[in-house]
Amino acid sequence: MPRRKRNAGSSSEGTEDSDFSAEHTDSSESDTHTVRNTRLTRSSLRLSRNSQDIKQSADHDESPPRTPTGNAPSSESDIDMSSPNVSHDESLAKELSLKESGLAHRPKRRRFHESYNFNMKCPTPGCNSLGHLTGKHERHFSISGCPLYHNLSADECKVKASSRDKHVEERMLSQRQDENRHSTRQQAQSERHLRYKEKVTEMRRKRNSVSQKDKYMEHRPSHGSSREPLLENITSDYDLDLFRKAQACASDDLEKLRLEGQVTEGGNMIKAIVFGRYELDTWYHSPYPEEYARLGRLYMCEFCLKYMKSQTILRRHMAKCVWKHPPGDEIYRKGPISVFEVDGKKNKIYCQNLCLLAKLFLDHKTLYYDVEPFLFYVMTEADNTGCHLVGYFSKEKNSFLNYNVSCILTMPQYMRQGYGKMLIDFSYLLSKVEEKVGSPERPLSDLGLISYRSYWKEVLLRYLHNFQGKEISIKEISQETAVNPVDIVSTLQSLQMLKYWKGKHLILKRQDLIDDWKTKEAKRGSSKTIDPTALKWSPPKGT
């Protein structure tokens, strides 16, 4: 009886006297207390398991959460059941039961992002919209993010995402190690770079020789265009892995645009345009008016660039349209190629339509409606029906940084035919006439960066081929070609033609690169080049 009074007093009062008495109990009392703690711990665990069932049967009112015994806690001492005589396991079990009983009243959190439209479904047949090609999202609503379309599962996409992240971390670590190396003083590749280059070469040579022709023949008829073709054994595993990484990056960018509201799930994005004789698939979102953007397909007049909703409206427009070439002054003509200078202030509607059209194929373009401070140089190819749009570039009338190009585009049906380099060459020809050094405005698009690097390489190799002196300077090359010195240095570094030796920067004349350029130039011919004598233009004044 005395022990029972002491224990009750210690569990309810918790005073210093009870603590002292609990510390001086005999061994038999401690054994009995241990058995009691074990029994209480087991009972608390059973109560915690049944607490959720008890709460579901109770009425959901605004009363405070109840304890496992069914009584609402009246004070802080009722909730805090721990005391010097109660073990740590028992207190943890009671806290767990209290948390579970309290969480039974809380609404469940939504598992996915709030911007997801759960009424949307993936267009791939048989797909439940779960998983994402990037491995970073729980759901998808487009083919670009569908694992099933790419012949993968959601778990495989997550595994590939973790391996990509690991590779990015390793690459960033290696870049930090290379930061101490000067960009021009040490042009030779390190041993790690050489080993990685050899490794990539060996991986590209390896290819599985086992033929899977039967598997390919079964896959295409059974799935048709609803699945991606099987890509194994078409190329090396290394190149296929690079392609998969590019697919994941593109899908991630589209998902970011969708979450930002620039691309919506309802297909509120123009998928294709009918432009003259061609039907062109679009690449990016362009801010056309909503009533046109939600159609999915636009019909455009290839001369005045007016956009319409249907083929019938386009047919009626073409019967009345009197335009056969862009507005403005024709400043260049050689053969079927012509270039027109269009002032954004004088022909505002045409230039706005041109910018909206260009945004369908450019990622980094931000200019749509404020076209008055710009001049547009539109290249066309003429036939018996009119002057057809090939491409264009725009430039500021007064550029403080001497940019000779603000935006440049070659239409998709004229790509890989030499027209892009003609536009770039024409922009530098205008800079030569203005007696300025020019450079394109950054950032460049992916295709634009490739075109500019190729053009700078050809210009430097042509200059070095015709140069007969012994000493050369980057300033002289810049004045002769109108290319910015920064672009010249970056191109020489990429060609490994710039070395640092005995305190001086030297330009190496690599004859092997010059011979390769001469061979390609002979095969290409001179049909797609700009003739400076055909230019009839003087720099605008007072604009």
Foldseek 3Di string as FASTA:
>chain_A
DVVVVLVVCCQQPVDPVSVVVVVPDDPVVVVVLVVVLVVLLVVLLVLLVCLLVVLVPDDLDPDAFPFSVRHRDDDPSSQQRDHPSHDPSNRVSRVSSSVSSRCSNPDDDDPFDPQDDVVAAAPQPPDRQAAFQCLPHGGDRYLLTDQVQAVHDRVVSVVLNVVVVVVVVVVVVVVVVCPVPDLFADLDDDPVVVVVVVVVVVQQVDADPDDPVVVQVVVCVVRPNSHDRDDHRVTGPVVVSVVSVVSSVVRVVVVVCCVVPQADSLQLAAQWEAEPPDIGGFDDGFPDPSVQSNLNYWYAYQFQLDIDRDPVVVVVCVVPDPGQHHDAAWFFDDAQKTKGKDACQVSVVSVLSVLRVVVRHFDPDDDRRPRRQKIKIFMFGDDPRGTGTFWIFMDGLDDPVQALTADIDGDPVNPPPLQRLQRVLVSQLVCLLVQAQHDHDDDDGPVRVVSVLVNLLLLVLVVLVPDDDDDDDLVVSCSVRSYDSVSNVVSQSVVVQWYADPNDIGGHNDVVSSVVSVVVDVVSDDPNHGDSVRGRDHRDPPD
